[in-house]
C-alpha cells in the first residue's frame, strides 16, 4: 500500500483532488494534496511536504507534480534527498487527470509499481481525437 501526494503551482493539485472526488468518490486518507499559492513561504511549504513524507512511513509515497523544474519539483527534490533512505519516495512530473484516476485504483501496490502505472497512464491519457476517426 502506498500514499499519493499531489503537488502543484497555485490550486491545481487541489482541483485534481476535487475532480477525482467528483468522478470516483472521495479519495481515502492515502491521497493528499499540497498547493503552492503565489507568495507562499517556501520554507513553510517544504516543512509541510516533509511532514507528509514522514507520515507515509513504511507505506512509501508517490509524489505527483504538475511541472518538471518548477518550485514544487525543486522543493520535492530537496525532501527526497533528505528522506529517501528512510522512506520509499518516488517523484513523477507532468501529472494529469487520467494518470491520477488510474492510480486511485492501484494504491494497494508498492511505490515503484505505482510509479510505473503513473507513467503509462499519463502517456495513454493523451489522445489525438482526429486519429481515432480514421
C-alpha atoms as a PDB file:
ATOM      1  CA  UNK A   1       0.000   0.000   0.000  1.00  0.00           C
ATOM      2  CA  UNK A   2       1.239   3.428  -0.937  1.00  0.00           C
ATOM      3  CA  UNK A   3       0.345   7.035  -0.365  1.00  0.00           C
ATOM      4  CA  UNK A   4      -0.188   9.534  -3.147  1.00  0.00           C
ATOM      5  CA  UNK A   5       0.633  13.220  -2.809  1.00  0.00           C
ATOM      6  CA  UNK A   6      -0.351  15.767  -5.464  1.00  0.00           C
ATOM      7  CA  UNK A   7       1.795  18.922  -5.712  1.00  0.00           C
ATOM      8  CA  UNK A   8       1.300  21.912  -7.965  1.00  0.00           C
ATOM      9  CA  UNK A   9       1.585  25.598  -8.529  1.00  0.00           C
ATOM     10  CA  UNK A  10      -1.453  27.547  -7.322  1.00  0.00           C
ATOM     11  CA  UNK A  11      -4.500  25.337  -6.643  1.00  0.00           C
ATOM     12  CA  UNK A  12      -4.129  22.791  -9.453  1.00  0.00           C
ATOM     13  CA  UNK A  13      -3.394  19.871  -7.103  1.00  0.00           C
ATOM     14  CA  UNK A  14      -6.476  20.716  -5.028  1.00  0.00           C
ATOM     15  CA  UNK A  15      -8.587  20.813  -8.184  1.00  0.00           C
ATOM     16  CA  UNK A  16      -7.185  17.458  -9.348  1.00  0.00           C
ATOM     17  CA  UNK A  17      -8.228  16.097  -5.953  1.00  0.00           C
ATOM     18  CA  UNK A  18     -11.686  17.670  -6.316  1.00  0.00           C
ATOM     19  CA  UNK A  19     -12.100  16.293  -9.851  1.00  0.00           C
ATOM     20  CA  UNK A  20     -11.201  12.782  -8.688  1.00  0.00           C
ATOM     21  CA  UNK A  21     -13.706  13.185  -5.856  1.00  0.00           C
ATOM     22  CA  UNK A  22     -16.382  14.107  -8.413  1.00  0.00           C
ATOM     23  CA  UNK A  23     -15.525  11.234 -10.778  1.00  0.00           C
ATOM     24  CA  UNK A  24     -14.644   8.418  -8.380  1.00  0.00           C
ATOM     25  CA  UNK A  25     -15.896   9.424  -4.962  1.00  0.00           C
ATOM     26  CA  UNK A  26     -13.981  10.831  -2.027  1.00  0.00           C
ATOM     27  CA  UNK A  27     -10.363   9.639  -2.031  1.00  0.00           C
ATOM     28  CA  UNK A  28      -9.291   7.780   1.081  1.00  0.00           C
ATOM     29  CA  UNK A  29      -6.710   9.107   3.512  1.00  0.00           C
ATOM     30  CA  UNK A  30      -3.836   7.725   1.411  1.00  0.00           C
ATOM     31  CA  UNK A  31      -4.364  10.586  -1.073  1.00  0.00           C
ATOM     32  CA  UNK A  32      -3.453  14.161  -0.233  1.00  0.00           C
ATOM     33  CA  UNK A  33      -2.521  17.404  -1.974  1.00  0.00           C
ATOM     34  CA  UNK A  34      -0.402  20.426  -1.248  1.00  0.00           C
ATOM     35  CA  UNK A  35      -0.908  23.719  -3.063  1.00  0.00           C
ATOM     36  CA  UNK A  36       1.654  26.432  -3.669  1.00  0.00           C
ATOM     37  CA  UNK A  37      -0.204  29.746  -3.980  1.00  0.00           C
ATOM     38  CA  UNK A  38       1.664  32.854  -5.053  1.00  0.00           C
ATOM     39  CA  UNK A  39       3.633  34.321  -2.156  1.00  0.00           C
ATOM     40  CA  UNK A  40       3.850  31.119  -0.114  1.00  0.00           C
ATOM     41  CA  UNK A  41       6.764  30.900   2.320  1.00  0.00           C
ATOM     42  CA  UNK A  42       8.961  28.247   0.677  1.00  0.00           C
ATOM     43  CA  UNK A  43      10.420  27.071   3.991  1.00  0.00           C
ATOM     44  CA  UNK A  44       6.930  26.512   5.383  1.00  0.00           C
ATOM     45  CA  UNK A  45       5.930  24.685   2.185  1.00  0.00           C
ATOM     46  CA  UNK A  46       8.962  22.408   2.497  1.00  0.00           C
ATOM     47  CA  UNK A  47       8.091  21.713   6.130  1.00  0.00           C
ATOM     48  CA  UNK A  48       4.533  20.729   5.146  1.00  0.00           C
ATOM     49  CA  UNK A  49       5.899  18.441   2.449  1.00  0.00           C
ATOM     50  CA  UNK A  50       8.362  16.846   4.867  1.00  0.00           C
ATOM     51  CA  UNK A  51       5.555  16.180   7.354  1.00  0.00           C
ATOM     52  CA  UNK A  52       3.571  14.309   4.693  1.00  0.00           C
ATOM     53  CA  UNK A  53       6.602  12.275   3.615  1.00  0.00           C
ATOM     54  CA  UNK A  54       7.471  11.287   7.184  1.00  0.00           C
ATOM     55  CA  UNK A  55       3.817  10.395   7.818  1.00  0.00           C
ATOM     56  CA  UNK A  56       3.938   7.974   4.858  1.00  0.00           C
ATOM     57  CA  UNK A  57       6.465   5.898   6.778  1.00  0.00           C
ATOM     58  CA  UNK A  58       6.793   2.279   5.666  1.00  0.00           C
ATOM     59  CA  UNK A  59       3.981   2.571   3.119  1.00  0.00           C
ATOM     60  CA  UNK A  60       6.016   4.803   0.850  1.00  0.00           C
ATOM     61  CA  UNK A  61       4.817   7.788  -1.122  1.00  0.00           C
ATOM     62  CA  UNK A  62       4.462   8.698  -4.770  1.00  0.00           C
ATOM     63  CA  UNK A  63       4.652  12.444  -5.319  1.00  0.00           C
ATOM     64  CA  UNK A  64       2.931  13.663  -8.480  1.00  0.00           C
ATOM     65  CA  UNK A  65       3.896  17.151  -9.582  1.00  0.00           C
ATOM     66  CA  UNK A  66       2.453  19.406 -12.249  1.00  0.00           C
ATOM     67  CA  UNK A  67       5.668  20.650 -13.843  1.00  0.00           C
ATOM     68  CA  UNK A  68       9.275  19.462 -14.066  1.00  0.00           C
ATOM     69  CA  UNK A  69      11.662  22.156 -12.859  1.00  0.00           C
ATOM     70  CA  UNK A  70       9.128  24.346 -11.054  1.00  0.00           C
ATOM     71  CA  UNK A  71       9.157  25.244  -7.377  1.00  0.00           C
ATOM     72  CA  UNK A  72       7.086  22.246  -6.177  1.00  0.00           C
ATOM     73  CA  UNK A  73       9.506  19.975  -8.058  1.00  0.00           C
ATOM     74  CA  UNK A  74      12.634  21.685  -6.738  1.00  0.00           C
ATOM     75  CA  UNK A  75      11.379  21.552  -3.152  1.00  0.00           C
ATOM     76  CA  UNK A  76      10.354  17.906  -3.505  1.00  0.00           C
ATOM     77  CA  UNK A  77      13.870  17.030  -4.691  1.00  0.00           C
ATOM     78  CA  UNK A  78      15.261  18.588  -1.503  1.00  0.00           C
ATOM     79  CA  UNK A  79      12.854  16.497   0.550  1.00  0.00           C
ATOM     80  CA  UNK A  80      13.763  13.418  -1.490  1.00  0.00           C
ATOM     81  CA  UNK A  81      17.456  13.941  -0.742  1.00  0.00           C
ATOM     82  CA  UNK A  82      16.723  14.322   2.953  1.00  0.00           C
ATOM     83  CA  UNK A  83      14.390  11.316   3.396  1.00  0.00           C
ATOM     84  CA  UNK A  84      14.859   8.773   0.587  1.00  0.00           C
ATOM     85  CA  UNK A  85      16.983   6.485   2.731  1.00  0.00           C
ATOM     86  CA  UNK A  86      14.233   6.294   5.392  1.00  0.00           C
ATOM     87  CA  UNK A  87      11.051   6.495   3.330  1.00  0.00           C
ATOM     88  CA  UNK A  88      10.430   4.985  -0.078  1.00  0.00           C
ATOM     89  CA  UNK A  89       9.768   8.049  -2.265  1.00  0.00           C
ATOM     90  CA  UNK A  90       9.176   8.307  -5.994  1.00  0.00           C
ATOM     91  CA  UNK A  91       8.562  11.528  -7.928  1.00  0.00           C
ATOM     92  CA  UNK A  92       6.735  11.858 -11.253  1.00  0.00           C
ATOM     93  CA  UNK A  93       6.093  15.156 -13.030  1.00  0.00           C
ATOM     94  CA  UNK A  94       3.524  16.029 -15.678  1.00  0.00           C
ATOM     95  CA  UNK A  95       0.559  14.968 -13.566  1.00  0.00           C
ATOM     96  CA  UNK A  96      -2.697  14.665 -15.467  1.00  0.00           C
ATOM     97  CA  UNK A  97      -6.200  13.508 -14.610  1.00  0.00           C
ATOM     98  CA  UNK A  98      -6.079  10.128 -16.415  1.00  0.00           C
ATOM     99  CA  UNK A  99      -2.879   9.333 -14.521  1.00  0.00           C
ATOM    100  CA  UNK A 100      -4.400  10.204 -11.161  1.00  0.00           C
ATOM    101  CA  UNK A 101      -7.612   8.292 -11.891  1.00  0.00           C
ATOM    102  CA  UNK A 102      -5.641   5.137 -12.707  1.00  0.00           C
ATOM    103  CA  UNK A 103      -3.551   5.497  -9.571  1.00  0.00           C
ATOM    104  CA  UNK A 104      -6.661   5.732  -7.401  1.00  0.00           C
ATOM    105  CA  UNK A 105      -7.479   2.100  -8.163  1.00  0.00           C
ATOM    106  CA  UNK A 106      -3.922   0.902  -7.589  1.00  0.00           C
ATOM    107  CA  UNK A 107      -2.904   2.339  -4.224  1.00  0.00           C
ATOM    108  CA  UNK A 108      -2.538  -1.202  -2.917  1.00  0.00           C
ATOM    109  CA  UNK A 109       0.666  -1.507  -4.998  1.00  0.00           C
ATOM    110  CA  UNK A 110       4.124  -0.581  -3.780  1.00  0.00           C
ATOM    111  CA  UNK A 111       5.571   2.795  -4.731  1.00  0.00           C
ATOM    112  CA  UNK A 112       7.814   1.557  -7.547  1.00  0.00           C
ATOM    113  CA  UNK A 113       4.911  -0.254  -9.224  1.00  0.00           C
ATOM    114  CA  UNK A 114       2.699   2.776  -8.681  1.00  0.00           C
ATOM    115  CA  UNK A 115       5.287   4.930 -10.453  1.00  0.00           C
ATOM    116  CA  UNK A 116       5.221   2.614 -13.482  1.00  0.00           C
ATOM    117  CA  UNK A 117       1.431   2.794 -13.579  1.00  0.00           C
ATOM    118  CA  UNK A 118       1.548   6.598 -13.382  1.00  0.00           C
ATOM    119  CA  UNK A 119       3.957   6.888 -16.288  1.00  0.00           C
ATOM    120  CA  UNK A 120       1.982   4.525 -18.508  1.00  0.00           C
ATOM    121  CA  UNK A 121      -1.432   6.002 -17.659  1.00  0.00           C
ATOM    122  CA  UNK A 122      -0.166   9.535 -18.120  1.00  0.00           C
ATOM    123  CA  UNK A 123       1.035   8.794 -21.643  1.00  0.00           C
ATOM    124  CA  UNK A 124      -2.045   6.751 -22.566  1.00  0.00           C
ATOM    125  CA  UNK A 125      -4.283   9.576 -21.361  1.00  0.00           C
ATOM    126  CA  UNK A 126      -3.053  11.787 -24.202  1.00  0.00           C
ATOM    127  CA  UNK A 127      -5.230  11.032 -27.214  1.00  0.00           C
ATOM    128  CA  UNK A 128      -5.425  12.636 -30.660  1.00  0.00           C
ATOM    129  CA  UNK A 129      -9.173  12.557 -31.309  1.00  0.00           C
ATOM    130  CA  UNK A 130      -8.950  13.019 -35.083  1.00  0.00           C
ATOM    131  CA  UNK A 131      -6.682   9.982 -35.400  1.00  0.00           C
ATOM    132  CA  UNK A 132      -9.468   7.895 -33.850  1.00  0.00           C
ATOM    133  CA  UNK A 133     -11.820   8.912 -36.687  1.00  0.00           C
ATOM    134  CA  UNK A 134      -9.771   7.192 -39.378  1.00  0.00           C
END
